[in-house]
Amino acid sequence: MHISSFNELRNIIYSDAYRYIGDSNFHSRCTLYFKTIGFRYTFWLRTNRFLSQYKWLYPIRVFASLYLKHLSYKSGIQIPYMTQIGRGFYIGHYGTIIINGETIIGNNVNISPDVVIGRTNRGDHIGIPVIGDEVYIGPGAKIIGAITIGSNVAIGANAVVTKDVPNNACVGGIPAQIINMKGSEGYINRKIRETCYSNKLTE
């Protein structure tokens, strides 16, 4: 996601915070930042993406980059700052989370611990996954290769997904198979609109 201005950066970070707390006041956001390392990681991930676009902000970016690496070592989360991630990104609990930097992730996506989203270099699906909106990715899930995960999808714990998943599907198993078509309903809370702003967050 290209972040064209400081206001846009702020609004994207606010949309991420809303997914956690459903609240837009300053005190709640500050408490979230200090208590929830998943949100703190996302905050600096977004900030590094923004700073990388402006050479004159390089001194600040050096600090931001080093702090993001510190958080990565501390939390086990490895998401390159250039990864395209939509609004309302939610890391439920920190733990080993590895995402290839070329992955494309939509809005209102939940990531659980021990998730790997990566490339495959041979076979029928060489490349990187594309993940739609309102997707829940359960603990230990692996999503590998140039596949498309539709919107409103739930991926079960420890599932290994190597093929496209249609909209509204719930998948699980190794390899992942469609279990039902109930989607991610109940797993994705406090949804935000793609064009939301801090004072217009809504479900």
N, C-alpha and C. Protein backbone atom coordinates (compact mmCIF):
# COMPACT_ATOMS: atom_id res chain seq x y z
N MET A 1 0.84 -1.20 0.00
CA MET A 1 0.00 0.00 0.00
C MET A 1 0.87 1.24 0.00
N HIS A 2 0.68 2.11 -1.00
CA HIS A 2 1.39 3.38 -1.05
C HIS A 2 0.77 4.33 -0.03
N ILE A 3 1.62 4.97 0.75
CA ILE A 3 1.15 5.92 1.76
C ILE A 3 1.64 7.30 1.33
N SER A 4 0.73 8.12 0.87
CA SER A 4 1.10 9.36 0.19
C SER A 4 1.34 10.55 1.11
N SER A 5 0.88 10.47 2.35
CA SER A 5 1.01 11.62 3.25
C SER A 5 1.01 11.15 4.69
N PHE A 6 1.42 12.07 5.58
CA PHE A 6 1.40 11.75 7.00
C PHE A 6 -0.03 11.49 7.47
N ASN A 7 -0.99 12.25 6.97
CA ASN A 7 -2.38 12.04 7.37
C ASN A 7 -2.87 10.65 6.98
N GLU A 8 -2.45 10.19 5.81
CA GLU A 8 -2.85 8.85 5.39
C GLU A 8 -2.20 7.80 6.27
N LEU A 9 -0.93 8.00 6.62
CA LEU A 9 -0.26 7.09 7.55
C LEU A 9 -1.03 7.02 8.87
N ARG A 10 -1.37 8.17 9.39
CA ARG A 10 -2.11 8.22 10.66
C ARG A 10 -3.44 7.48 10.56
N ASN A 11 -4.16 7.70 9.48
CA ASN A 11 -5.47 7.07 9.33
C ASN A 11 -5.36 5.55 9.19
N ILE A 12 -4.32 5.08 8.52
CA ILE A 12 -4.12 3.63 8.38
C ILE A 12 -3.80 3.03 9.74
N ILE A 13 -2.94 3.68 10.50
CA ILE A 13 -2.60 3.19 11.84
C ILE A 13 -3.85 3.20 12.73
N TYR A 14 -4.66 4.25 12.63
CA TYR A 14 -5.90 4.30 13.40
C TYR A 14 -6.83 3.14 13.03
N SER A 15 -6.87 2.81 11.73
CA SER A 15 -7.74 1.70 11.30
C SER A 15 -7.25 0.38 11.88
N ASP A 16 -5.92 0.20 11.96
CA ASP A 16 -5.38 -1.01 12.60
C ASP A 16 -5.77 -1.05 14.07
N ALA A 17 -5.63 0.10 14.77
CA ALA A 17 -5.95 0.16 16.19
C ALA A 17 -7.43 -0.15 16.44
N TYR A 18 -8.28 0.33 15.57
CA TYR A 18 -9.72 0.11 15.74
C TYR A 18 -10.06 -1.37 15.73
N ARG A 19 -9.33 -2.15 14.95
CA ARG A 19 -9.58 -3.59 14.90
C ARG A 19 -9.36 -4.25 16.26
N TYR A 20 -8.47 -3.68 17.06
CA TYR A 20 -8.18 -4.23 18.38
C TYR A 20 -9.16 -3.76 19.45
N ILE A 21 -9.45 -2.47 19.45
CA ILE A 21 -10.14 -1.88 20.59
C ILE A 21 -11.51 -1.29 20.28
N GLY A 22 -11.81 -1.10 19.00
CA GLY A 22 -13.11 -0.53 18.65
C GLY A 22 -13.32 0.85 19.23
N ASP A 23 -12.23 1.58 19.43
CA ASP A 23 -12.28 2.85 20.13
C ASP A 23 -11.37 3.83 19.39
N SER A 24 -11.72 5.08 19.38
CA SER A 24 -10.92 6.06 18.64
C SER A 24 -10.29 7.12 19.53
N ASN A 25 -10.34 6.94 20.86
CA ASN A 25 -9.75 7.99 21.69
C ASN A 25 -8.26 7.77 21.90
N PHE A 26 -7.55 8.85 22.14
CA PHE A 26 -6.09 8.85 22.20
C PHE A 26 -5.56 7.95 23.31
N HIS A 27 -6.18 8.00 24.47
CA HIS A 27 -5.71 7.19 25.60
C HIS A 27 -5.77 5.71 25.28
N SER A 28 -6.84 5.26 24.66
CA SER A 28 -6.99 3.85 24.33
C SER A 28 -5.92 3.40 23.33
N ARG A 29 -5.62 4.27 22.38
CA ARG A 29 -4.58 3.92 21.40
C ARG A 29 -3.21 3.83 22.05
N CYS A 30 -2.91 4.75 22.95
CA CYS A 30 -1.62 4.71 23.64
C CYS A 30 -1.49 3.45 24.48
N THR A 31 -2.55 3.10 25.19
CA THR A 31 -2.54 1.87 25.99
C THR A 31 -2.32 0.66 25.11
N LEU A 32 -3.01 0.61 23.97
CA LEU A 32 -2.85 -0.48 23.01
C LEU A 32 -1.41 -0.58 22.54
N TYR A 33 -0.80 0.56 22.22
CA TYR A 33 0.57 0.57 21.71
C TYR A 33 1.53 -0.07 22.70
N PHE A 34 1.43 0.29 23.95
CA PHE A 34 2.39 -0.18 24.94
C PHE A 34 2.09 -1.60 25.44
N LYS A 35 0.85 -2.03 25.35
CA LYS A 35 0.49 -3.34 25.88
C LYS A 35 0.45 -4.45 24.83
N THR A 36 0.35 -4.09 23.55
CA THR A 36 0.13 -5.10 22.52
C THR A 36 1.24 -5.04 21.48
N ILE A 37 2.16 -6.00 21.53
CA ILE A 37 3.33 -5.94 20.67
C ILE A 37 2.97 -6.15 19.20
N GLY A 38 1.88 -6.88 18.95
CA GLY A 38 1.44 -7.06 17.56
C GLY A 38 1.08 -5.74 16.92
N PHE A 39 0.33 -4.91 17.66
CA PHE A 39 0.00 -3.59 17.13
C PHE A 39 1.23 -2.71 17.04
N ARG A 40 2.10 -2.78 18.03
CA ARG A 40 3.32 -1.97 18.00
C ARG A 40 4.17 -2.32 16.79
N TYR A 41 4.25 -3.61 16.47
CA TYR A 41 5.00 -4.01 15.28
C TYR A 41 4.35 -3.42 14.02
N THR A 42 3.03 -3.51 13.94
CA THR A 42 2.33 -2.97 12.78
C THR A 42 2.54 -1.46 12.66
N PHE A 43 2.53 -0.76 13.79
CA PHE A 43 2.77 0.68 13.81
C PHE A 43 4.09 1.01 13.14
N TRP A 44 5.16 0.32 13.53
CA TRP A 44 6.48 0.61 12.96
C TRP A 44 6.64 0.06 11.55
N LEU A 45 5.91 -0.98 11.23
CA LEU A 45 5.88 -1.49 9.86
C LEU A 45 5.32 -0.42 8.92
N ARG A 46 4.19 0.15 9.30
CA ARG A 46 3.56 1.21 8.49
C ARG A 46 4.48 2.44 8.42
N THR A 47 5.07 2.79 9.55
CA THR A 47 5.93 3.97 9.60
C THR A 47 7.14 3.82 8.69
N ASN A 48 7.76 2.65 8.71
CA ASN A 48 8.91 2.41 7.82
C ASN A 48 8.51 2.49 6.36
N ARG A 49 7.35 1.98 6.03
CA ARG A 49 6.86 2.06 4.65
C ARG A 49 6.74 3.52 4.22
N PHE A 50 6.18 4.33 5.08
CA PHE A 50 6.00 5.76 4.78
C PHE A 50 7.35 6.46 4.65
N LEU A 51 8.24 6.24 5.60
CA LEU A 51 9.53 6.93 5.61
C LEU A 51 10.40 6.55 4.42
N SER A 52 10.26 5.33 3.93
CA SER A 52 11.10 4.85 2.82
C SER A 52 10.85 5.62 1.53
N GLN A 53 9.75 6.35 1.46
CA GLN A 53 9.39 7.07 0.24
C GLN A 53 10.05 8.45 0.16
N TYR A 54 10.72 8.88 1.24
CA TYR A 54 11.26 10.23 1.29
C TYR A 54 12.72 10.20 1.74
N LYS A 55 13.62 10.53 0.82
CA LYS A 55 15.05 10.47 1.13
C LYS A 55 15.42 11.43 2.25
N TRP A 56 14.76 12.57 2.33
CA TRP A 56 15.13 13.56 3.33
C TRP A 56 14.75 13.11 4.75
N LEU A 57 13.95 12.04 4.85
CA LEU A 57 13.61 11.50 6.16
C LEU A 57 14.51 10.33 6.55
N TYR A 58 15.59 10.14 5.81
CA TYR A 58 16.47 8.99 6.04
C TYR A 58 16.97 8.87 7.48
N PRO A 59 17.42 9.96 8.12
CA PRO A 59 17.89 9.82 9.52
C PRO A 59 16.83 9.23 10.45
N ILE A 60 15.58 9.65 10.27
CA ILE A 60 14.50 9.11 11.09
C ILE A 60 14.26 7.66 10.73
N ARG A 61 14.36 7.35 9.45
CA ARG A 61 14.10 5.99 9.01
C ARG A 61 15.13 5.01 9.56
N VAL A 62 16.37 5.46 9.74
CA VAL A 62 17.40 4.59 10.33
C VAL A 62 16.94 4.11 11.70
N PHE A 63 16.47 5.05 12.52
CA PHE A 63 15.96 4.68 13.84
C PHE A 63 14.75 3.75 13.71
N ALA A 64 13.81 4.11 12.83
CA ALA A 64 12.59 3.31 12.67
C ALA A 64 12.91 1.90 12.22
N SER A 65 13.87 1.77 11.32
CA SER A 65 14.26 0.45 10.80
C SER A 65 14.90 -0.40 11.90
N LEU A 66 15.77 0.22 12.68
CA LEU A 66 16.43 -0.50 13.78
C LEU A 66 15.40 -0.94 14.83
N TYR A 67 14.44 -0.08 15.11
CA TYR A 67 13.44 -0.44 16.11
C TYR A 67 12.53 -1.56 15.61
N LEU A 68 12.21 -1.54 14.32
CA LEU A 68 11.40 -2.62 13.75
C LEU A 68 12.15 -3.95 13.85
N LYS A 69 13.46 -3.93 13.60
CA LYS A 69 14.26 -5.15 13.73
C LYS A 69 14.27 -5.63 15.18
N HIS A 70 14.37 -4.69 16.11
CA HIS A 70 14.32 -5.04 17.53
C HIS A 70 13.01 -5.74 17.87
N LEU A 71 11.90 -5.18 17.38
CA LEU A 71 10.60 -5.79 17.64
C LEU A 71 10.50 -7.17 17.00
N SER A 72 11.12 -7.32 15.82
CA SER A 72 11.10 -8.61 15.14
C SER A 72 11.81 -9.68 15.98
N TYR A 73 12.98 -9.33 16.50
CA TYR A 73 13.71 -10.27 17.35
C TYR A 73 12.92 -10.60 18.61
N LYS A 74 12.28 -9.59 19.17
CA LYS A 74 11.56 -9.75 20.43
C LYS A 74 10.29 -10.58 20.26
N SER A 75 9.60 -10.39 19.15
CA SER A 75 8.28 -10.99 18.97
C SER A 75 8.28 -12.24 18.09
N GLY A 76 9.29 -12.38 17.24
CA GLY A 76 9.30 -13.48 16.27
C GLY A 76 8.54 -13.16 15.00
N ILE A 77 8.02 -11.94 14.89
CA ILE A 77 7.28 -11.54 13.70
C ILE A 77 8.26 -11.05 12.63
N GLN A 78 8.16 -11.59 11.43
CA GLN A 78 9.02 -11.18 10.33
C GLN A 78 8.15 -10.81 9.13
N ILE A 79 7.85 -9.53 9.03
CA ILE A 79 7.06 -9.00 7.91
C ILE A 79 7.83 -7.82 7.34
N PRO A 80 8.36 -7.91 6.13
CA PRO A 80 9.08 -6.77 5.54
C PRO A 80 8.17 -5.56 5.42
N TYR A 81 8.74 -4.37 5.62
CA TYR A 81 7.91 -3.16 5.63
C TYR A 81 7.31 -2.84 4.27
N MET A 82 7.86 -3.41 3.18
CA MET A 82 7.32 -3.14 1.85
C MET A 82 6.15 -4.06 1.49
N THR A 83 5.79 -4.98 2.36
CA THR A 83 4.65 -5.87 2.10
C THR A 83 3.38 -5.04 1.93
N GLN A 84 2.60 -5.37 0.91
CA GLN A 84 1.35 -4.64 0.66
C GLN A 84 0.26 -5.20 1.56
N ILE A 85 -0.11 -4.41 2.56
CA ILE A 85 -1.10 -4.83 3.54
C ILE A 85 -2.19 -3.77 3.62
N GLY A 86 -3.44 -4.18 3.50
CA GLY A 86 -4.55 -3.25 3.55
C GLY A 86 -4.83 -2.73 4.96
N ARG A 87 -5.89 -1.97 5.08
CA ARG A 87 -6.26 -1.37 6.36
C ARG A 87 -6.84 -2.42 7.32
N GLY A 88 -6.78 -2.10 8.60
CA GLY A 88 -7.38 -2.97 9.58
C GLY A 88 -6.65 -4.29 9.77
N PHE A 89 -5.32 -4.24 9.79
CA PHE A 89 -4.51 -5.45 9.95
C PHE A 89 -4.43 -5.80 11.43
N TYR A 90 -4.66 -7.08 11.74
CA TYR A 90 -4.76 -7.50 13.15
C TYR A 90 -3.87 -8.71 13.40
N ILE A 91 -2.92 -8.57 14.32
CA ILE A 91 -2.09 -9.68 14.76
C ILE A 91 -2.59 -10.09 16.15
N GLY A 92 -3.30 -11.20 16.20
CA GLY A 92 -4.01 -11.58 17.42
C GLY A 92 -3.11 -11.81 18.61
N HIS A 93 -2.06 -12.59 18.44
CA HIS A 93 -1.10 -12.87 19.50
C HIS A 93 0.26 -12.97 18.85
N TYR A 94 1.27 -12.41 19.48
CA TYR A 94 2.57 -12.48 18.83
C TYR A 94 3.18 -13.87 18.99
N GLY A 95 4.04 -14.20 18.09
CA GLY A 95 4.72 -15.48 17.99
C GLY A 95 5.36 -15.51 16.63
N THR A 96 5.92 -16.62 16.24
CA THR A 96 6.58 -16.68 14.95
C THR A 96 5.57 -16.47 13.82
N ILE A 97 5.69 -15.36 13.13
CA ILE A 97 4.86 -15.05 11.96
C ILE A 97 5.81 -14.61 10.85
N ILE A 98 5.81 -15.35 9.74
CA ILE A 98 6.74 -15.06 8.65
C ILE A 98 5.92 -14.83 7.38
N ILE A 99 6.08 -13.66 6.79
CA ILE A 99 5.35 -13.30 5.58
C ILE A 99 6.33 -12.80 4.53
N ASN A 100 6.29 -13.39 3.34
CA ASN A 100 7.13 -12.94 2.24
C ASN A 100 6.76 -11.50 1.87
N GLY A 101 7.78 -10.68 1.61
CA GLY A 101 7.56 -9.26 1.34
C GLY A 101 6.79 -8.96 0.07
N GLU A 102 6.63 -9.94 -0.83
CA GLU A 102 5.88 -9.72 -2.07
C GLU A 102 4.41 -10.10 -1.93
N THR A 103 4.04 -10.61 -0.78
CA THR A 103 2.65 -10.98 -0.54
C THR A 103 1.74 -9.75 -0.61
N ILE A 104 0.54 -9.95 -1.11
CA ILE A 104 -0.47 -8.89 -1.13
C ILE A 104 -1.60 -9.31 -0.20
N ILE A 105 -1.90 -8.46 0.78
CA ILE A 105 -2.90 -8.77 1.80
C ILE A 105 -3.96 -7.68 1.79
N GLY A 106 -5.23 -8.07 1.83
CA GLY A 106 -6.33 -7.12 1.76
C GLY A 106 -6.66 -6.47 3.10
N ASN A 107 -7.87 -5.94 3.20
CA ASN A 107 -8.34 -5.23 4.38
C ASN A 107 -8.95 -6.19 5.41
N ASN A 108 -8.88 -5.81 6.68
CA ASN A 108 -9.54 -6.55 7.76
C ASN A 108 -9.07 -8.00 7.82
N VAL A 109 -7.77 -8.20 7.80
CA VAL A 109 -7.20 -9.55 7.84
C VAL A 109 -6.64 -9.83 9.23
N ASN A 110 -6.93 -11.02 9.76
CA ASN A 110 -6.42 -11.47 11.06
C ASN A 110 -5.32 -12.51 10.85
N ILE A 111 -4.18 -12.31 11.49
CA ILE A 111 -3.06 -13.25 11.44
C ILE A 111 -2.82 -13.81 12.84
N SER A 112 -2.69 -15.12 12.94
CA SER A 112 -2.45 -15.80 14.22
C SER A 112 -0.99 -16.22 14.34
N PRO A 113 -0.56 -16.70 15.51
CA PRO A 113 0.84 -17.13 15.68
C PRO A 113 1.20 -18.32 14.80
N ASP A 114 2.50 -18.43 14.50
CA ASP A 114 3.07 -19.55 13.75
C ASP A 114 2.55 -19.66 12.33
N VAL A 115 2.13 -18.56 11.77
CA VAL A 115 1.67 -18.52 10.37
C VAL A 115 2.86 -18.24 9.46
N VAL A 116 2.89 -18.95 8.33
CA VAL A 116 3.89 -18.71 7.29
C VAL A 116 3.16 -18.46 5.98
N ILE A 117 3.48 -17.34 5.33
CA ILE A 117 2.95 -17.03 4.01
C ILE A 117 4.15 -16.83 3.11
N GLY A 118 4.35 -17.74 2.15
CA GLY A 118 5.61 -17.69 1.42
C GLY A 118 5.54 -18.12 -0.03
N ARG A 119 6.69 -18.09 -0.65
CA ARG A 119 6.87 -18.41 -2.07
C ARG A 119 7.15 -19.89 -2.27
N THR A 120 6.72 -20.38 -3.42
CA THR A 120 7.21 -21.67 -3.89
C THR A 120 7.92 -21.44 -5.22
N ASN A 121 8.99 -22.17 -5.44
CA ASN A 121 9.84 -21.94 -6.60
C ASN A 121 9.76 -23.03 -7.66
N ARG A 122 8.86 -23.98 -7.47
CA ARG A 122 8.65 -24.98 -8.51
C ARG A 122 7.23 -25.53 -8.40
N GLY A 123 6.82 -26.26 -9.43
CA GLY A 123 5.47 -26.78 -9.45
C GLY A 123 4.52 -25.89 -10.24
N ASP A 124 3.24 -26.08 -9.99
CA ASP A 124 2.21 -25.37 -10.77
C ASP A 124 1.90 -23.97 -10.24
N HIS A 125 2.40 -23.65 -9.06
CA HIS A 125 2.04 -22.36 -8.46
C HIS A 125 3.28 -21.61 -8.01
N ILE A 126 4.21 -21.40 -8.92
CA ILE A 126 5.43 -20.66 -8.58
C ILE A 126 5.07 -19.20 -8.29
N GLY A 127 5.48 -18.71 -7.14
CA GLY A 127 5.22 -17.32 -6.81
C GLY A 127 4.69 -17.14 -5.39
N ILE A 128 3.95 -16.05 -5.21
CA ILE A 128 3.55 -15.56 -3.89
C ILE A 128 2.03 -15.48 -3.77
N PRO A 129 1.45 -15.75 -2.60
CA PRO A 129 -0.01 -15.66 -2.44
C PRO A 129 -0.55 -14.23 -2.51
N VAL A 130 -1.81 -14.15 -2.90
CA VAL A 130 -2.60 -12.93 -2.81
C VAL A 130 -3.79 -13.24 -1.91
N ILE A 131 -3.98 -12.43 -0.87
CA ILE A 131 -5.01 -12.70 0.13
C ILE A 131 -6.05 -11.58 0.10
N GLY A 132 -7.30 -11.96 0.06
CA GLY A 132 -8.39 -11.00 -0.06
C GLY A 132 -8.74 -10.30 1.23
N ASP A 133 -9.94 -9.72 1.27
CA ASP A 133 -10.41 -8.97 2.43
C ASP A 133 -11.12 -9.89 3.42
N GLU A 134 -11.07 -9.49 4.70
CA GLU A 134 -11.80 -10.17 5.77
C GLU A 134 -11.45 -11.66 5.82
N VAL A 135 -10.15 -11.92 5.86
CA VAL A 135 -9.64 -13.29 5.93
C VAL A 135 -9.09 -13.56 7.32
N TYR A 136 -9.50 -14.68 7.88
CA TYR A 136 -8.97 -15.14 9.16
C TYR A 136 -7.99 -16.28 8.90
N ILE A 137 -6.75 -16.13 9.40
CA ILE A 137 -5.72 -17.15 9.21
C ILE A 137 -5.38 -17.72 10.58
N GLY A 138 -5.73 -18.98 10.82
CA GLY A 138 -5.60 -19.60 12.13
C GLY A 138 -4.18 -19.95 12.50
N PRO A 139 -3.95 -20.29 13.78
CA PRO A 139 -2.60 -20.60 14.27
C PRO A 139 -1.95 -21.75 13.50
N GLY A 140 -0.70 -21.55 13.13
CA GLY A 140 0.06 -22.59 12.47
C GLY A 140 -0.23 -22.79 11.00
N ALA A 141 -1.10 -21.98 10.42
CA ALA A 141 -1.44 -22.16 9.01
C ALA A 141 -0.27 -21.79 8.10
N LYS A 142 -0.17 -22.49 6.97
CA LYS A 142 0.85 -22.22 5.97
C LYS A 142 0.15 -21.96 4.64
N ILE A 143 0.48 -20.84 4.01
CA ILE A 143 -0.10 -20.47 2.72
C ILE A 143 1.07 -20.29 1.76
N ILE A 144 1.15 -21.14 0.76
CA ILE A 144 2.36 -21.21 -0.04
C ILE A 144 2.04 -21.15 -1.53
N GLY A 145 2.79 -20.33 -2.27
CA GLY A 145 2.73 -20.31 -3.72
C GLY A 145 1.84 -19.23 -4.29
N ALA A 146 1.83 -19.16 -5.62
CA ALA A 146 1.04 -18.15 -6.33
C ALA A 146 -0.41 -18.58 -6.38
N ILE A 147 -1.08 -18.43 -5.25
CA ILE A 147 -2.48 -18.79 -5.14
C ILE A 147 -3.27 -17.58 -4.66
N THR A 148 -4.56 -17.63 -4.86
CA THR A 148 -5.44 -16.54 -4.44
C THR A 148 -6.37 -17.03 -3.34
N ILE A 149 -6.32 -16.35 -2.22
CA ILE A 149 -7.26 -16.61 -1.12
C ILE A 149 -8.37 -15.57 -1.24
N GLY A 150 -9.58 -16.00 -1.48
CA GLY A 150 -10.68 -15.07 -1.68
C GLY A 150 -11.02 -14.28 -0.44
N SER A 151 -12.04 -13.46 -0.55
CA SER A 151 -12.48 -12.65 0.59
C SER A 151 -13.45 -13.43 1.47
N ASN A 152 -13.54 -13.02 2.74
CA ASN A 152 -14.42 -13.66 3.71
C ASN A 152 -14.09 -15.14 3.86
N VAL A 153 -12.80 -15.46 3.97
CA VAL A 153 -12.32 -16.84 4.07
C VAL A 153 -11.78 -17.09 5.47
N ALA A 154 -11.99 -18.29 5.99
CA ALA A 154 -11.39 -18.72 7.25
C ALA A 154 -10.47 -19.90 6.96
N ILE A 155 -9.22 -19.78 7.40
CA ILE A 155 -8.24 -20.85 7.23
C ILE A 155 -7.96 -21.45 8.60
N GLY A 156 -8.22 -22.73 8.76
CA GLY A 156 -8.14 -23.38 10.05
C GLY A 156 -6.72 -23.56 10.56
N ALA A 157 -6.62 -23.87 11.85
CA ALA A 157 -5.32 -24.06 12.49
C ALA A 157 -4.54 -25.18 11.81
N ASN A 158 -3.26 -24.90 11.56
CA ASN A 158 -2.31 -25.85 10.98
C ASN A 158 -2.64 -26.29 9.56
N ALA A 159 -3.57 -25.60 8.91
CA ALA A 159 -3.87 -25.93 7.52
C ALA A 159 -2.68 -25.59 6.62
N VAL A 160 -2.50 -26.38 5.58
CA VAL A 160 -1.47 -26.10 4.57
C VAL A 160 -2.19 -25.83 3.26
N VAL A 161 -2.18 -24.57 2.85
CA VAL A 161 -2.96 -24.14 1.69
C VAL A 161 -2.03 -23.96 0.50
N THR A 162 -2.25 -24.74 -0.54
CA THR A 162 -1.40 -24.69 -1.74
C THR A 162 -2.21 -24.49 -3.01
N LYS A 163 -3.53 -24.30 -2.86
CA LYS A 163 -4.40 -24.08 -4.01
C LYS A 163 -5.33 -22.90 -3.72
N ASP A 164 -5.90 -22.33 -4.78
CA ASP A 164 -6.82 -21.21 -4.62
C ASP A 164 -7.98 -21.58 -3.69
N VAL A 165 -8.43 -20.58 -2.94
CA VAL A 165 -9.57 -20.75 -2.04
C VAL A 165 -10.64 -19.74 -2.47
N PRO A 166 -11.87 -20.19 -2.75
CA PRO A 166 -12.91 -19.25 -3.20
C PRO A 166 -13.44 -18.38 -2.08
N ASN A 167 -14.12 -17.31 -2.45
CA ASN A 167 -14.77 -16.45 -1.47
C ASN A 167 -15.68 -17.26 -0.55
N ASN A 168 -15.74 -16.86 0.70
CA ASN A 168 -16.69 -17.39 1.69
C ASN A 168 -16.41 -18.83 2.12
N ALA A 169 -15.24 -19.36 1.80
CA ALA A 169 -14.94 -20.74 2.17
C ALA A 169 -14.26 -20.81 3.53
N CYS A 170 -14.45 -21.94 4.19
CA CYS A 170 -13.71 -22.29 5.40
C CYS A 170 -12.92 -23.54 5.07
N VAL A 171 -11.58 -23.47 5.20
CA VAL A 171 -10.74 -24.59 4.79
C VAL A 171 -9.89 -25.07 5.96
N GLY A 172 -9.49 -26.35 5.89
CA GLY A 172 -8.63 -26.91 6.91
C GLY A 172 -8.00 -28.20 6.42
N GLY A 173 -6.97 -28.65 7.14
CA GLY A 173 -6.33 -29.91 6.80
C GLY A 173 -5.04 -29.75 6.04
N ILE A 174 -4.39 -30.91 5.78
CA ILE A 174 -3.12 -30.96 5.04
C ILE A 174 -3.26 -32.02 3.94
N PRO A 175 -3.36 -31.62 2.67
CA PRO A 175 -3.50 -30.23 2.22
C PRO A 175 -4.90 -29.70 2.53
N ALA A 176 -5.05 -28.41 2.55
CA ALA A 176 -6.32 -27.80 2.94
C ALA A 176 -7.43 -28.14 1.95
N GLN A 177 -8.58 -28.46 2.51
CA GLN A 177 -9.79 -28.73 1.73
C GLN A 177 -10.92 -27.86 2.27
N ILE A 178 -11.92 -27.61 1.43
CA ILE A 178 -13.07 -26.83 1.86
C ILE A 178 -13.90 -27.65 2.83
N ILE A 179 -14.15 -27.07 4.01
CA ILE A 179 -14.95 -27.73 5.04
C ILE A 179 -16.40 -27.31 4.94
N ASN A 180 -16.62 -26.02 4.76
CA ASN A 180 -17.97 -25.48 4.57
C ASN A 180 -17.85 -24.12 3.90
N MET A 181 -18.99 -23.48 3.69
CA MET A 181 -18.99 -22.16 3.04
C MET A 181 -19.53 -21.10 4.00
N LYS A 182 -19.16 -21.22 5.26
CA LYS A 182 -19.57 -20.23 6.27
C LYS A 182 -18.59 -19.07 6.36
N GLY A 183 -17.43 -19.20 5.73
CA GLY A 183 -16.46 -18.11 5.68
C GLY A 183 -15.92 -17.71 7.03
N SER A 184 -15.55 -16.42 7.14
CA SER A 184 -14.89 -15.92 8.35
C SER A 184 -15.85 -15.23 9.32
N GLU A 185 -17.15 -15.42 9.11
CA GLU A 185 -18.12 -14.77 9.99
C GLU A 185 -17.88 -15.17 11.44
N GLY A 186 -17.81 -14.18 12.33
CA GLY A 186 -17.55 -14.43 13.74
C GLY A 186 -16.09 -14.34 14.12
N TYR A 187 -15.20 -14.41 13.14
CA TYR A 187 -13.77 -14.33 13.41
C TYR A 187 -13.20 -12.93 13.16
N ILE A 188 -13.84 -12.18 12.28
CA ILE A 188 -13.36 -10.85 11.94
C ILE A 188 -14.30 -9.83 12.59
N ASN A 189 -13.83 -9.19 13.64
CA ASN A 189 -14.65 -8.23 14.37
C ASN A 189 -14.17 -6.80 14.14
N ARG A 190 -15.06 -5.85 14.40
CA ARG A 190 -14.74 -4.43 14.26
C ARG A 190 -14.15 -4.13 12.88
N LYS A 191 -14.89 -4.49 11.86
CA LYS A 191 -14.42 -4.28 10.50
C LYS A 191 -14.39 -2.80 10.16
N ILE A 192 -13.47 -2.44 9.29
CA ILE A 192 -13.39 -1.04 8.85
C ILE A 192 -13.62 -0.98 7.34
N ARG A 193 -14.12 0.16 6.90
CA ARG A 193 -14.26 0.40 5.47
C ARG A 193 -12.91 0.76 4.90
N GLU A 194 -12.71 0.47 3.62
CA GLU A 194 -11.42 0.73 2.98
C GLU A 194 -11.06 2.20 3.05
N THR A 195 -12.06 3.07 2.99
CA THR A 195 -11.78 4.51 2.95
C THR A 195 -12.03 5.18 4.29
N CYS A 196 -11.99 4.39 5.38
CA CYS A 196 -12.32 4.97 6.69
C CYS A 196 -11.25 5.94 7.17
N TYR A 197 -11.67 6.84 8.02
CA TYR A 197 -10.77 7.76 8.69
C TYR A 197 -11.02 7.65 10.18
N SER A 198 -10.17 8.28 10.97
CA SER A 198 -10.21 8.08 12.41
C SER A 198 -11.58 8.38 13.02
N ASN A 199 -12.31 9.31 12.45
CA ASN A 199 -13.60 9.66 13.03
C ASN A 199 -14.76 9.03 12.27
N LYS A 200 -14.46 8.09 11.37
CA LYS A 200 -15.50 7.45 10.59
C LYS A 200 -15.35 5.94 10.58
N LEU A 201 -14.70 5.40 11.59
CA LEU A 201 -14.52 3.96 11.66
C LEU A 201 -15.86 3.31 11.94
N THR A 202 -16.11 2.21 11.25
CA THR A 202 -17.42 1.58 11.38
C THR A 202 -17.32 0.10 11.10
N GLU A 203 -18.27 -0.64 11.55
CA GLU A 203 -18.28 -2.08 11.32
C GLU A 203 -19.23 -2.42 10.20
